[in-house]
Amino acid sequence: MTGVSRREGIGWATVQRLAKAGTAVFTQGWTAHDAGQPWGADEGFEAGGRAGHLDIDLAEPDAPAQLVDAAVAAIDHTLAVNVRATLLLVQAFAAAHAGNPGGRVILLTSGQGRGPMARELPYVASKAALAGLVTSLADHLAPRAITVNAVNPGPTDTGWASKAILEQATAAMPRGRWGTPDDAARLIAWLASEDSDWVTGQVIDSDGGFRYGGA
């Protein structure tokens, strides 16, 4: 979304409405332009684009390309953090593991394979990659006495969701509430325990029976 630099502007209002709907928006603004106008710059303004923000003058010939590159970099960042960093962490852990019983790798995925998440495509791609890696990682690390599993916690109230998203997801929860962090933590703790030693290569849904795709 371009033209996002003032709280009284159409760009800002549009971003707020999109954000309430759960859309990750990459924004652009040019505060220097506002600073030179009679109304002045919006002091303390923060764009709030969930996918990132770039303050750049689109009058410059190379600015449009820079803006698109920055938006693409936001996608790359999601994949780098959720996929590449995870693989490197698993690699480092496996290399340091002495081969004694009790080695555990527990990944957090999402419900991307159970229903559409059209507003979060970079996130979906990254979590789908993790879910797809579980079986192969489990097989590869089994000789080192390391189990590999993933948990899909479903909608979990960690303070990120807007009121509209909270209401929409709650309506699709059979028990009428979102998951809590402790709901996921209980399963993760079990997977980390000795009791789970015979469980590996699994993506486990612990989502309260969430009805993906609606109520």
N, C-alpha and C. Protein backbone atom coordinates (compact mmCIF):
# COMPACT_ATOMS: atom_id res chain seq x y z
N MET A 1 0.85 -1.17 0.00
CA MET A 1 0.00 0.00 0.00
C MET A 1 0.89 1.23 0.00
N THR A 2 0.78 2.07 -1.02
CA THR A 2 1.60 3.28 -1.10
C THR A 2 0.86 4.46 -0.47
N GLY A 3 1.62 5.51 -0.16
CA GLY A 3 1.01 6.72 0.39
C GLY A 3 0.55 6.59 1.82
N VAL A 4 1.34 5.89 2.63
CA VAL A 4 0.97 5.70 4.03
C VAL A 4 1.98 6.44 4.90
N SER A 5 1.64 7.68 5.27
CA SER A 5 2.56 8.47 6.08
C SER A 5 1.85 9.40 7.06
N ARG A 6 0.51 9.41 7.00
CA ARG A 6 -0.24 10.27 7.91
C ARG A 6 -1.48 9.53 8.41
N ARG A 7 -1.76 9.68 9.71
CA ARG A 7 -2.92 9.01 10.28
C ARG A 7 -4.25 9.53 9.75
N GLU A 8 -4.23 10.72 9.12
CA GLU A 8 -5.46 11.28 8.56
C GLU A 8 -5.64 10.92 7.09
N GLY A 9 -4.70 10.15 6.54
CA GLY A 9 -4.73 9.84 5.13
C GLY A 9 -5.56 8.60 4.79
N ILE A 10 -5.92 8.50 3.50
CA ILE A 10 -6.67 7.34 3.02
C ILE A 10 -5.82 6.07 3.12
N GLY A 11 -4.52 6.20 2.83
CA GLY A 11 -3.64 5.04 2.91
C GLY A 11 -3.65 4.42 4.29
N TRP A 12 -3.53 5.27 5.31
CA TRP A 12 -3.52 4.78 6.69
C TRP A 12 -4.85 4.11 7.05
N ALA A 13 -5.96 4.74 6.67
CA ALA A 13 -7.27 4.17 6.95
C ALA A 13 -7.44 2.81 6.28
N THR A 14 -6.93 2.70 5.05
CA THR A 14 -7.04 1.44 4.32
C THR A 14 -6.22 0.35 4.98
N VAL A 15 -5.01 0.68 5.41
CA VAL A 15 -4.15 -0.29 6.08
C VAL A 15 -4.81 -0.79 7.37
N GLN A 16 -5.44 0.11 8.12
CA GLN A 16 -6.11 -0.29 9.36
C GLN A 16 -7.24 -1.27 9.09
N ARG A 17 -8.00 -1.00 8.04
CA ARG A 17 -9.11 -1.88 7.71
C ARG A 17 -8.60 -3.25 7.24
N LEU A 18 -7.55 -3.25 6.42
CA LEU A 18 -6.97 -4.51 5.96
C LEU A 18 -6.37 -5.30 7.12
N ALA A 19 -5.71 -4.58 8.03
CA ALA A 19 -5.10 -5.25 9.19
C ALA A 19 -6.17 -5.91 10.06
N LYS A 20 -7.32 -5.25 10.23
CA LYS A 20 -8.40 -5.84 11.02
C LYS A 20 -8.91 -7.13 10.40
N ALA A 21 -8.79 -7.21 9.07
CA ALA A 21 -9.23 -8.42 8.36
C ALA A 21 -8.14 -9.50 8.35
N GLY A 22 -6.98 -9.17 8.95
CA GLY A 22 -5.90 -10.15 9.04
C GLY A 22 -4.90 -10.11 7.90
N THR A 23 -4.99 -9.10 7.03
CA THR A 23 -4.09 -9.02 5.88
C THR A 23 -2.74 -8.45 6.28
N ALA A 24 -1.67 -9.09 5.83
CA ALA A 24 -0.31 -8.58 6.06
C ALA A 24 0.02 -7.59 4.94
N VAL A 25 0.14 -6.33 5.28
CA VAL A 25 0.32 -5.28 4.28
C VAL A 25 1.74 -4.72 4.33
N PHE A 26 2.37 -4.58 3.15
CA PHE A 26 3.64 -3.86 3.05
C PHE A 26 3.32 -2.44 2.62
N THR A 27 3.84 -1.45 3.37
CA THR A 27 3.46 -0.07 3.14
C THR A 27 4.63 0.81 2.70
N GLN A 28 4.28 1.92 2.03
CA GLN A 28 5.26 2.92 1.61
C GLN A 28 4.74 4.30 1.98
N GLY A 29 5.66 5.15 2.40
CA GLY A 29 5.32 6.54 2.65
C GLY A 29 6.52 7.42 2.35
N TRP A 30 6.33 8.74 2.40
CA TRP A 30 7.43 9.68 2.17
C TRP A 30 7.23 10.87 3.09
N THR A 31 7.76 10.74 4.31
CA THR A 31 7.52 11.75 5.34
C THR A 31 8.15 13.09 5.01
N ALA A 32 9.21 13.08 4.22
CA ALA A 32 9.85 14.35 3.84
C ALA A 32 8.90 15.23 3.03
N HIS A 33 8.05 14.61 2.24
CA HIS A 33 7.07 15.37 1.48
C HIS A 33 6.09 16.06 2.42
N ASP A 34 5.58 15.33 3.38
CA ASP A 34 4.64 15.93 4.33
C ASP A 34 5.29 17.04 5.14
N ALA A 35 6.55 16.83 5.49
CA ALA A 35 7.26 17.84 6.29
C ALA A 35 7.35 19.18 5.57
N GLY A 36 7.36 19.15 4.24
CA GLY A 36 7.45 20.38 3.47
C GLY A 36 6.11 21.02 3.12
N GLN A 37 5.03 20.40 3.58
CA GLN A 37 3.69 20.90 3.29
C GLN A 37 3.15 21.69 4.49
N PRO A 38 2.12 22.53 4.25
CA PRO A 38 1.56 23.33 5.35
C PRO A 38 1.09 22.48 6.53
N TRP A 39 0.62 21.25 6.27
CA TRP A 39 0.12 20.41 7.37
C TRP A 39 1.24 19.75 8.16
N GLY A 40 2.43 19.67 7.55
CA GLY A 40 3.59 19.12 8.23
C GLY A 40 3.56 17.61 8.37
N ALA A 41 4.65 17.05 8.84
CA ALA A 41 4.75 15.61 9.04
C ALA A 41 3.95 15.19 10.26
N ASP A 42 3.50 13.95 10.26
CA ASP A 42 2.72 13.40 11.36
C ASP A 42 3.70 12.90 12.43
N GLU A 43 3.91 13.72 13.47
CA GLU A 43 4.89 13.38 14.50
C GLU A 43 4.52 12.08 15.22
N GLY A 44 5.50 11.21 15.37
CA GLY A 44 5.27 9.95 16.06
C GLY A 44 4.55 8.90 15.23
N PHE A 45 4.36 9.19 13.93
CA PHE A 45 3.62 8.25 13.08
C PHE A 45 4.44 6.98 12.85
N GLU A 46 3.76 5.83 12.99
CA GLU A 46 4.35 4.54 12.65
C GLU A 46 3.41 3.84 11.69
N ALA A 47 3.94 3.41 10.55
CA ALA A 47 3.08 2.89 9.49
C ALA A 47 2.29 1.66 9.93
N GLY A 48 2.93 0.75 10.60
CA GLY A 48 2.21 -0.42 11.11
C GLY A 48 1.91 -1.48 10.08
N GLY A 49 2.51 -1.40 8.89
CA GLY A 49 2.33 -2.46 7.90
C GLY A 49 2.94 -3.75 8.42
N ARG A 50 2.13 -4.79 8.61
CA ARG A 50 2.62 -5.99 9.26
C ARG A 50 3.72 -6.66 8.45
N ALA A 51 3.72 -6.47 7.13
CA ALA A 51 4.73 -7.08 6.28
C ALA A 51 5.95 -6.19 6.09
N GLY A 52 5.92 -4.98 6.66
CA GLY A 52 7.06 -4.07 6.55
C GLY A 52 6.66 -2.71 6.00
N HIS A 53 7.60 -1.76 6.07
CA HIS A 53 7.35 -0.39 5.60
C HIS A 53 8.65 0.16 5.02
N LEU A 54 8.52 0.95 3.95
CA LEU A 54 9.67 1.61 3.35
C LEU A 54 9.34 3.08 3.14
N ASP A 55 10.16 3.95 3.71
CA ASP A 55 10.01 5.39 3.52
C ASP A 55 10.87 5.79 2.32
N ILE A 56 10.22 6.07 1.19
CA ILE A 56 10.97 6.30 -0.05
C ILE A 56 10.17 7.22 -0.97
N ASP A 57 10.88 8.05 -1.73
CA ASP A 57 10.28 9.00 -2.65
C ASP A 57 10.02 8.32 -3.99
N LEU A 58 8.77 8.09 -4.33
CA LEU A 58 8.44 7.40 -5.57
C LEU A 58 8.66 8.26 -6.80
N ALA A 59 9.06 9.53 -6.62
CA ALA A 59 9.42 10.36 -7.76
C ALA A 59 10.79 9.97 -8.32
N GLU A 60 11.59 9.29 -7.53
CA GLU A 60 12.89 8.82 -8.00
C GLU A 60 12.70 7.64 -8.95
N PRO A 61 13.43 7.64 -10.10
CA PRO A 61 13.21 6.61 -11.12
C PRO A 61 13.37 5.17 -10.62
N ASP A 62 14.31 4.95 -9.71
CA ASP A 62 14.53 3.57 -9.25
C ASP A 62 13.74 3.22 -7.99
N ALA A 63 12.94 4.16 -7.49
CA ALA A 63 12.21 3.92 -6.25
C ALA A 63 11.17 2.80 -6.38
N PRO A 64 10.37 2.75 -7.46
CA PRO A 64 9.40 1.66 -7.56
C PRO A 64 10.04 0.28 -7.48
N ALA A 65 11.18 0.11 -8.17
CA ALA A 65 11.85 -1.18 -8.12
C ALA A 65 12.36 -1.48 -6.71
N GLN A 66 12.87 -0.45 -6.03
CA GLN A 66 13.34 -0.64 -4.66
C GLN A 66 12.19 -1.05 -3.74
N LEU A 67 11.02 -0.46 -3.98
CA LEU A 67 9.86 -0.78 -3.15
C LEU A 67 9.44 -2.23 -3.34
N VAL A 68 9.38 -2.67 -4.60
CA VAL A 68 9.01 -4.06 -4.86
C VAL A 68 10.06 -5.01 -4.28
N ASP A 69 11.34 -4.64 -4.43
CA ASP A 69 12.41 -5.48 -3.87
C ASP A 69 12.26 -5.61 -2.36
N ALA A 70 11.89 -4.50 -1.71
CA ALA A 70 11.74 -4.53 -0.25
C ALA A 70 10.58 -5.43 0.15
N ALA A 71 9.49 -5.40 -0.64
CA ALA A 71 8.36 -6.27 -0.34
C ALA A 71 8.73 -7.74 -0.53
N VAL A 72 9.50 -8.02 -1.58
CA VAL A 72 9.96 -9.39 -1.82
C VAL A 72 10.89 -9.84 -0.69
N ALA A 73 11.72 -8.91 -0.22
CA ALA A 73 12.64 -9.24 0.87
C ALA A 73 11.88 -9.64 2.13
N ALA A 74 10.69 -9.07 2.31
CA ALA A 74 9.86 -9.46 3.47
C ALA A 74 9.44 -10.92 3.36
N ILE A 75 9.13 -11.37 2.15
CA ILE A 75 8.81 -12.79 1.93
C ILE A 75 10.03 -13.64 2.21
N ASP A 76 11.17 -13.22 1.67
CA ASP A 76 12.41 -13.97 1.88
C ASP A 76 12.76 -14.07 3.36
N HIS A 77 12.50 -12.98 4.09
CA HIS A 77 12.80 -12.97 5.53
C HIS A 77 11.97 -14.02 6.26
N THR A 78 10.68 -14.13 5.90
CA THR A 78 9.82 -15.13 6.53
C THR A 78 10.36 -16.53 6.30
N LEU A 79 10.76 -16.82 5.06
CA LEU A 79 11.29 -18.15 4.75
C LEU A 79 12.64 -18.38 5.44
N ALA A 80 13.45 -17.33 5.51
CA ALA A 80 14.76 -17.48 6.16
C ALA A 80 14.62 -17.80 7.64
N VAL A 81 13.68 -17.14 8.31
CA VAL A 81 13.51 -17.35 9.74
C VAL A 81 12.82 -18.68 10.02
N ASN A 82 11.72 -18.94 9.32
CA ASN A 82 10.91 -20.12 9.64
C ASN A 82 11.45 -21.43 9.07
N VAL A 83 12.15 -21.35 7.92
CA VAL A 83 12.61 -22.58 7.28
C VAL A 83 14.14 -22.75 7.40
N ARG A 84 14.88 -21.80 6.85
CA ARG A 84 16.34 -21.97 6.86
C ARG A 84 16.89 -22.02 8.27
N ALA A 85 16.48 -21.08 9.12
CA ALA A 85 16.99 -21.06 10.49
C ALA A 85 16.62 -22.33 11.24
N THR A 86 15.40 -22.83 11.00
CA THR A 86 14.98 -24.07 11.66
C THR A 86 15.86 -25.24 11.24
N LEU A 87 16.12 -25.36 9.95
CA LEU A 87 16.98 -26.44 9.46
C LEU A 87 18.39 -26.35 10.04
N LEU A 88 18.90 -25.13 10.11
CA LEU A 88 20.25 -24.95 10.66
C LEU A 88 20.28 -25.27 12.16
N LEU A 89 19.21 -24.92 12.87
CA LEU A 89 19.13 -25.27 14.29
C LEU A 89 19.10 -26.78 14.49
N VAL A 90 18.29 -27.46 13.67
CA VAL A 90 18.23 -28.92 13.77
C VAL A 90 19.59 -29.54 13.45
N GLN A 91 20.24 -29.00 12.43
CA GLN A 91 21.57 -29.51 12.06
C GLN A 91 22.56 -29.34 13.20
N ALA A 92 22.55 -28.15 13.81
CA ALA A 92 23.48 -27.87 14.90
C ALA A 92 23.19 -28.76 16.11
N PHE A 93 21.90 -28.95 16.41
CA PHE A 93 21.53 -29.80 17.53
C PHE A 93 21.95 -31.25 17.29
N ALA A 94 21.70 -31.74 16.09
CA ALA A 94 22.05 -33.13 15.77
C ALA A 94 23.55 -33.34 15.84
N ALA A 95 24.32 -32.35 15.40
CA ALA A 95 25.78 -32.46 15.43
C ALA A 95 26.30 -32.49 16.86
N ALA A 96 25.61 -31.77 17.76
CA ALA A 96 26.06 -31.70 19.15
C ALA A 96 25.51 -32.85 20.00
N HIS A 97 24.49 -33.53 19.49
CA HIS A 97 23.85 -34.59 20.27
C HIS A 97 24.78 -35.79 20.39
N ALA A 98 24.89 -36.31 21.59
CA ALA A 98 25.84 -37.39 21.84
C ALA A 98 25.34 -38.76 21.40
N GLY A 99 24.07 -38.82 20.98
CA GLY A 99 23.52 -40.10 20.55
C GLY A 99 22.85 -40.87 21.66
N ASN A 100 22.79 -40.29 22.86
CA ASN A 100 22.10 -40.95 23.97
C ASN A 100 20.58 -40.86 23.78
N PRO A 101 19.82 -41.75 24.40
CA PRO A 101 18.36 -41.68 24.28
C PRO A 101 17.82 -40.35 24.77
N GLY A 102 16.70 -39.93 24.19
CA GLY A 102 16.04 -38.73 24.68
C GLY A 102 16.23 -37.50 23.82
N GLY A 103 16.89 -37.64 22.67
CA GLY A 103 17.02 -36.49 21.78
C GLY A 103 15.66 -36.13 21.17
N ARG A 104 15.31 -34.87 21.22
CA ARG A 104 14.00 -34.44 20.74
C ARG A 104 14.11 -33.19 19.85
N VAL A 105 13.44 -33.24 18.71
CA VAL A 105 13.22 -32.06 17.89
C VAL A 105 11.71 -31.89 17.77
N ILE A 106 11.21 -30.73 18.21
CA ILE A 106 9.77 -30.45 18.17
C ILE A 106 9.56 -29.13 17.44
N LEU A 107 8.94 -29.22 16.28
CA LEU A 107 8.69 -28.04 15.46
C LEU A 107 7.26 -27.55 15.67
N LEU A 108 7.04 -26.27 15.42
CA LEU A 108 5.70 -25.71 15.46
C LEU A 108 5.28 -25.37 14.04
N THR A 109 4.22 -26.01 13.59
CA THR A 109 3.69 -25.71 12.28
C THR A 109 2.34 -25.00 12.45
N SER A 110 1.48 -25.07 11.45
CA SER A 110 0.19 -24.40 11.54
C SER A 110 -0.85 -25.27 10.86
N GLY A 111 -2.05 -24.74 10.67
CA GLY A 111 -3.10 -25.53 10.04
C GLY A 111 -3.18 -25.33 8.55
N GLN A 112 -2.02 -24.98 7.93
CA GLN A 112 -2.02 -24.60 6.52
C GLN A 112 -2.49 -25.72 5.59
N GLY A 113 -2.37 -26.95 6.03
CA GLY A 113 -2.79 -28.06 5.19
C GLY A 113 -4.24 -28.47 5.39
N ARG A 114 -4.93 -27.82 6.31
CA ARG A 114 -6.30 -28.23 6.66
C ARG A 114 -7.36 -27.23 6.22
N GLY A 115 -6.92 -26.09 5.72
CA GLY A 115 -7.87 -25.09 5.25
C GLY A 115 -7.13 -23.89 4.69
N PRO A 116 -7.81 -23.04 3.94
CA PRO A 116 -7.14 -21.89 3.31
C PRO A 116 -6.72 -20.83 4.31
N MET A 117 -5.57 -20.23 4.04
CA MET A 117 -5.08 -19.09 4.82
C MET A 117 -4.57 -18.06 3.81
N ALA A 118 -5.49 -17.58 2.97
CA ALA A 118 -5.13 -16.81 1.79
C ALA A 118 -4.44 -15.49 2.09
N ARG A 119 -4.63 -14.96 3.28
CA ARG A 119 -4.04 -13.66 3.61
C ARG A 119 -2.63 -13.77 4.16
N GLU A 120 -2.10 -15.01 4.29
CA GLU A 120 -0.81 -15.21 4.94
C GLU A 120 0.09 -16.14 4.12
N LEU A 121 0.20 -15.87 2.82
CA LEU A 121 0.87 -16.83 1.94
C LEU A 121 2.34 -17.08 2.27
N PRO A 122 3.16 -16.05 2.56
CA PRO A 122 4.55 -16.36 2.94
C PRO A 122 4.63 -17.24 4.19
N TYR A 123 3.79 -16.94 5.17
CA TYR A 123 3.74 -17.74 6.40
C TYR A 123 3.30 -19.17 6.10
N VAL A 124 2.27 -19.30 5.27
CA VAL A 124 1.78 -20.63 4.89
C VAL A 124 2.88 -21.44 4.22
N ALA A 125 3.60 -20.81 3.29
CA ALA A 125 4.68 -21.52 2.59
C ALA A 125 5.75 -22.00 3.56
N SER A 126 6.09 -21.15 4.52
CA SER A 126 7.14 -21.52 5.47
C SER A 126 6.71 -22.65 6.39
N LYS A 127 5.46 -22.60 6.86
CA LYS A 127 4.98 -23.64 7.77
C LYS A 127 4.72 -24.95 7.03
N ALA A 128 4.29 -24.85 5.77
CA ALA A 128 4.10 -26.07 4.97
C ALA A 128 5.45 -26.77 4.74
N ALA A 129 6.49 -25.98 4.57
CA ALA A 129 7.83 -26.56 4.41
C ALA A 129 8.24 -27.34 5.65
N LEU A 130 7.98 -26.79 6.82
CA LEU A 130 8.33 -27.49 8.06
C LEU A 130 7.55 -28.79 8.21
N ALA A 131 6.23 -28.73 7.94
CA ALA A 131 5.42 -29.93 8.05
C ALA A 131 5.92 -31.01 7.08
N GLY A 132 6.35 -30.58 5.89
CA GLY A 132 6.83 -31.53 4.90
C GLY A 132 8.18 -32.13 5.22
N LEU A 133 8.92 -31.50 6.12
CA LEU A 133 10.25 -31.99 6.48
C LEU A 133 10.24 -33.02 7.60
N VAL A 134 9.15 -33.09 8.35
CA VAL A 134 9.13 -33.90 9.57
C VAL A 134 9.47 -35.36 9.31
N THR A 135 8.82 -35.98 8.33
CA THR A 135 9.05 -37.41 8.07
C THR A 135 10.50 -37.69 7.69
N SER A 136 11.05 -36.86 6.82
CA SER A 136 12.43 -37.08 6.36
C SER A 136 13.44 -36.82 7.47
N LEU A 137 13.21 -35.77 8.26
CA LEU A 137 14.12 -35.49 9.38
C LEU A 137 14.05 -36.62 10.41
N ALA A 138 12.85 -37.11 10.67
CA ALA A 138 12.70 -38.19 11.64
C ALA A 138 13.47 -39.43 11.20
N ASP A 139 13.38 -39.76 9.92
CA ASP A 139 14.10 -40.92 9.39
C ASP A 139 15.61 -40.71 9.45
N HIS A 140 16.04 -39.50 9.10
CA HIS A 140 17.47 -39.21 9.06
C HIS A 140 18.10 -39.23 10.44
N LEU A 141 17.36 -38.76 11.44
CA LEU A 141 17.92 -38.62 12.79
C LEU A 141 17.62 -39.80 13.71
N ALA A 142 16.81 -40.75 13.25
CA ALA A 142 16.49 -41.91 14.09
C ALA A 142 17.72 -42.68 14.55
N PRO A 143 18.73 -42.91 13.69
CA PRO A 143 19.91 -43.63 14.17
C PRO A 143 20.68 -42.91 15.28
N ARG A 144 20.41 -41.60 15.44
CA ARG A 144 21.07 -40.84 16.51
C ARG A 144 20.19 -40.75 17.76
N ALA A 145 19.11 -41.54 17.80
CA ALA A 145 18.19 -41.56 18.94
C ALA A 145 17.50 -40.20 19.14
N ILE A 146 17.21 -39.53 18.01
CA ILE A 146 16.51 -38.25 18.05
C ILE A 146 15.15 -38.43 17.38
N THR A 147 14.09 -38.09 18.08
CA THR A 147 12.77 -38.09 17.47
C THR A 147 12.47 -36.70 16.92
N VAL A 148 11.65 -36.65 15.87
CA VAL A 148 11.27 -35.38 15.25
C VAL A 148 9.76 -35.37 15.05
N ASN A 149 9.10 -34.40 15.64
CA ASN A 149 7.66 -34.24 15.49
C ASN A 149 7.32 -32.75 15.36
N ALA A 150 6.11 -32.49 14.91
CA ALA A 150 5.64 -31.10 14.81
C ALA A 150 4.27 -31.00 15.45
N VAL A 151 3.99 -29.83 15.98
CA VAL A 151 2.71 -29.55 16.62
C VAL A 151 2.01 -28.43 15.87
N ASN A 152 0.76 -28.66 15.51
CA ASN A 152 -0.11 -27.60 14.99
C ASN A 152 -1.04 -27.19 16.12
N PRO A 153 -0.80 -26.03 16.74
CA PRO A 153 -1.59 -25.63 17.91
C PRO A 153 -2.93 -24.99 17.57
N GLY A 154 -3.20 -24.76 16.27
CA GLY A 154 -4.44 -24.09 15.91
C GLY A 154 -4.48 -22.66 16.41
N PRO A 155 -5.63 -22.00 16.35
CA PRO A 155 -5.74 -20.62 16.82
C PRO A 155 -5.40 -20.51 18.30
N THR A 156 -4.36 -19.77 18.59
CA THR A 156 -3.88 -19.64 19.98
C THR A 156 -3.83 -18.16 20.35
N ASP A 157 -4.43 -17.82 21.46
CA ASP A 157 -4.51 -16.42 21.88
C ASP A 157 -3.21 -15.99 22.54
N THR A 158 -2.34 -15.38 21.75
CA THR A 158 -1.09 -14.83 22.27
C THR A 158 -1.06 -13.30 22.13
N GLY A 159 -2.24 -12.72 21.89
CA GLY A 159 -2.34 -11.27 21.84
C GLY A 159 -2.19 -10.66 20.46
N TRP A 160 -2.04 -11.48 19.43
CA TRP A 160 -1.77 -10.93 18.10
C TRP A 160 -3.02 -10.61 17.30
N ALA A 161 -4.13 -11.28 17.60
CA ALA A 161 -5.31 -11.20 16.74
C ALA A 161 -6.17 -9.98 17.03
N SER A 162 -6.75 -9.45 15.96
CA SER A 162 -7.70 -8.35 16.12
C SER A 162 -9.02 -8.89 16.66
N LYS A 163 -9.90 -7.99 17.06
CA LYS A 163 -11.20 -8.40 17.58
C LYS A 163 -11.98 -9.19 16.55
N ALA A 164 -11.92 -8.75 15.28
CA ALA A 164 -12.66 -9.43 14.22
C ALA A 164 -12.16 -10.85 14.02
N ILE A 165 -10.84 -11.04 14.04
CA ILE A 165 -10.27 -12.37 13.86
C ILE A 165 -10.61 -13.25 15.06
N LEU A 166 -10.55 -12.68 16.26
CA LEU A 166 -10.91 -13.44 17.46
C LEU A 166 -12.33 -13.97 17.39
N GLU A 167 -13.24 -13.09 16.97
CA GLU A 167 -14.65 -13.50 16.89
C GLU A 167 -14.87 -14.54 15.81
N GLN A 168 -14.22 -14.37 14.65
CA GLN A 168 -14.40 -15.30 13.55
C GLN A 168 -13.89 -16.70 13.92
N ALA A 169 -12.69 -16.75 14.50
CA ALA A 169 -12.12 -18.04 14.85
C ALA A 169 -12.85 -18.69 16.02
N THR A 170 -13.29 -17.90 16.97
CA THR A 170 -14.01 -18.45 18.11
C THR A 170 -15.28 -19.16 17.65
N ALA A 171 -15.93 -18.59 16.65
CA ALA A 171 -17.15 -19.21 16.13
C ALA A 171 -16.88 -20.57 15.51
N ALA A 172 -15.63 -20.81 15.09
CA ALA A 172 -15.26 -22.09 14.48
C ALA A 172 -14.63 -23.06 15.47
N MET A 173 -14.63 -22.69 16.76
CA MET A 173 -14.08 -23.55 17.79
C MET A 173 -15.20 -24.30 18.50
N PRO A 174 -15.24 -25.62 18.43
CA PRO A 174 -16.33 -26.38 19.06
C PRO A 174 -16.51 -26.08 20.55
N ARG A 175 -15.43 -25.76 21.24
CA ARG A 175 -15.52 -25.50 22.68
C ARG A 175 -15.71 -24.02 23.00
N GLY A 176 -15.86 -23.22 21.94
CA GLY A 176 -16.18 -21.81 22.15
C GLY A 176 -15.06 -20.96 22.68
N ARG A 177 -13.84 -21.38 22.54
CA ARG A 177 -12.71 -20.56 22.98
C ARG A 177 -11.49 -20.83 22.13
N TRP A 178 -10.58 -19.88 22.12
CA TRP A 178 -9.29 -20.08 21.47
C TRP A 178 -8.40 -20.96 22.34
N GLY A 179 -7.36 -21.50 21.72
CA GLY A 179 -6.36 -22.21 22.49
C GLY A 179 -5.55 -21.24 23.33
N THR A 180 -4.99 -21.74 24.42
CA THR A 180 -4.08 -20.94 25.24
C THR A 180 -2.66 -21.44 24.99
N PRO A 181 -1.66 -20.63 25.29
CA PRO A 181 -0.28 -21.11 25.16
C PRO A 181 -0.04 -22.41 25.93
N ASP A 182 -0.69 -22.57 27.08
CA ASP A 182 -0.48 -23.78 27.86
C ASP A 182 -1.08 -25.02 27.20
N ASP A 183 -2.13 -24.82 26.38
CA ASP A 183 -2.68 -25.96 25.64
C ASP A 183 -1.60 -26.57 24.75
N ALA A 184 -0.86 -25.72 24.06
CA ALA A 184 0.23 -26.21 23.21
C ALA A 184 1.39 -26.72 24.05
N ALA A 185 1.67 -26.02 25.14
CA ALA A 185 2.82 -26.39 25.98
C ALA A 185 2.68 -27.78 26.58
N ARG A 186 1.45 -28.18 26.93
CA ARG A 186 1.26 -29.51 27.50
C ARG A 186 1.67 -30.61 26.52
N LEU A 187 1.28 -30.44 25.25
CA LEU A 187 1.65 -31.44 24.25
C LEU A 187 3.15 -31.42 23.99
N ILE A 188 3.71 -30.23 23.90
CA ILE A 188 5.14 -30.11 23.65
C ILE A 188 5.94 -30.75 24.78
N ALA A 189 5.49 -30.52 26.02
CA ALA A 189 6.17 -31.12 27.17
C ALA A 189 6.11 -32.64 27.12
N TRP A 190 4.97 -33.17 26.68
CA TRP A 190 4.86 -34.63 26.56
C TRP A 190 5.80 -35.16 25.47
N LEU A 191 5.85 -34.46 24.34
CA LEU A 191 6.74 -34.90 23.27
C LEU A 191 8.20 -34.82 23.69
N ALA A 192 8.51 -33.94 24.62
CA ALA A 192 9.88 -33.82 25.12
C ALA A 192 10.21 -34.87 26.18
N SER A 193 9.19 -35.56 26.68
CA SER A 193 9.41 -36.50 27.78
C SER A 193 9.80 -37.89 27.27
N GLU A 194 10.18 -38.74 28.20
CA GLU A 194 10.51 -40.12 27.87
C GLU A 194 9.29 -40.89 27.37
N ASP A 195 8.11 -40.50 27.82
CA ASP A 195 6.89 -41.22 27.45
C ASP A 195 6.61 -41.18 25.95
N SER A 196 7.17 -40.21 25.25
CA SER A 196 6.91 -40.07 23.81
C SER A 196 7.97 -40.73 22.95
N ASP A 197 8.82 -41.54 23.55
CA ASP A 197 10.00 -42.05 22.84
C ASP A 197 9.66 -42.82 21.57
N TRP A 198 8.48 -43.43 21.49
CA TRP A 198 8.12 -44.24 20.33
C TRP A 198 7.34 -43.45 19.29
N VAL A 199 7.20 -42.13 19.49
CA VAL A 199 6.46 -41.27 18.58
C VAL A 199 7.45 -40.40 17.81
N THR A 200 7.48 -40.55 16.50
CA THR A 200 8.36 -39.73 15.67
C THR A 200 7.80 -39.63 14.26
N GLY A 201 8.16 -38.55 13.59
CA GLY A 201 7.71 -38.33 12.22
C GLY A 201 6.26 -37.90 12.10
N GLN A 202 5.70 -37.33 13.17
CA GLN A 202 4.29 -36.98 13.19
C GLN A 202 4.06 -35.47 13.21
N VAL A 203 3.01 -35.04 12.51
CA VAL A 203 2.49 -33.68 12.66
C VAL A 203 1.18 -33.83 13.43
N ILE A 204 1.17 -33.36 14.67
CA ILE A 204 0.03 -33.59 15.57
C ILE A 204 -0.81 -32.32 15.69
N ASP A 205 -2.09 -32.46 15.37
CA ASP A 205 -3.03 -31.35 15.52
C ASP A 205 -3.53 -31.30 16.95
N SER A 206 -3.28 -30.19 17.62
CA SER A 206 -3.79 -29.97 18.97
C SER A 206 -4.50 -28.63 18.96
N ASP A 207 -5.65 -28.62 18.27
CA ASP A 207 -6.30 -27.35 17.93
C ASP A 207 -7.74 -27.24 18.44
N GLY A 208 -8.10 -28.08 19.40
CA GLY A 208 -9.44 -27.99 19.96
C GLY A 208 -10.55 -28.35 18.99
N GLY A 209 -10.21 -29.06 17.90
CA GLY A 209 -11.23 -29.42 16.91
C GLY A 209 -11.63 -28.26 16.01
N PHE A 210 -10.72 -27.29 15.85
CA PHE A 210 -11.00 -26.11 15.03
C PHE A 210 -11.54 -26.50 13.67
N ARG A 211 -12.64 -25.87 13.28
CA ARG A 211 -13.27 -26.14 11.98
C ARG A 211 -12.63 -25.23 10.94
N TYR A 212 -11.61 -25.71 10.26
CA TYR A 212 -10.92 -24.92 9.27
C TYR A 212 -11.87 -24.60 8.11
N GLY A 213 -11.87 -23.34 7.71
CA GLY A 213 -12.74 -22.94 6.62
C GLY A 213 -14.07 -22.39 7.09
N GLY A 214 -14.32 -22.38 8.39
CA GLY A 214 -15.55 -21.75 8.89
C GLY A 214 -16.25 -22.61 9.92
N ALA A 215 -17.30 -22.04 10.48
CA ALA A 215 -18.04 -22.71 11.54
C ALA A 215 -18.95 -23.80 10.97
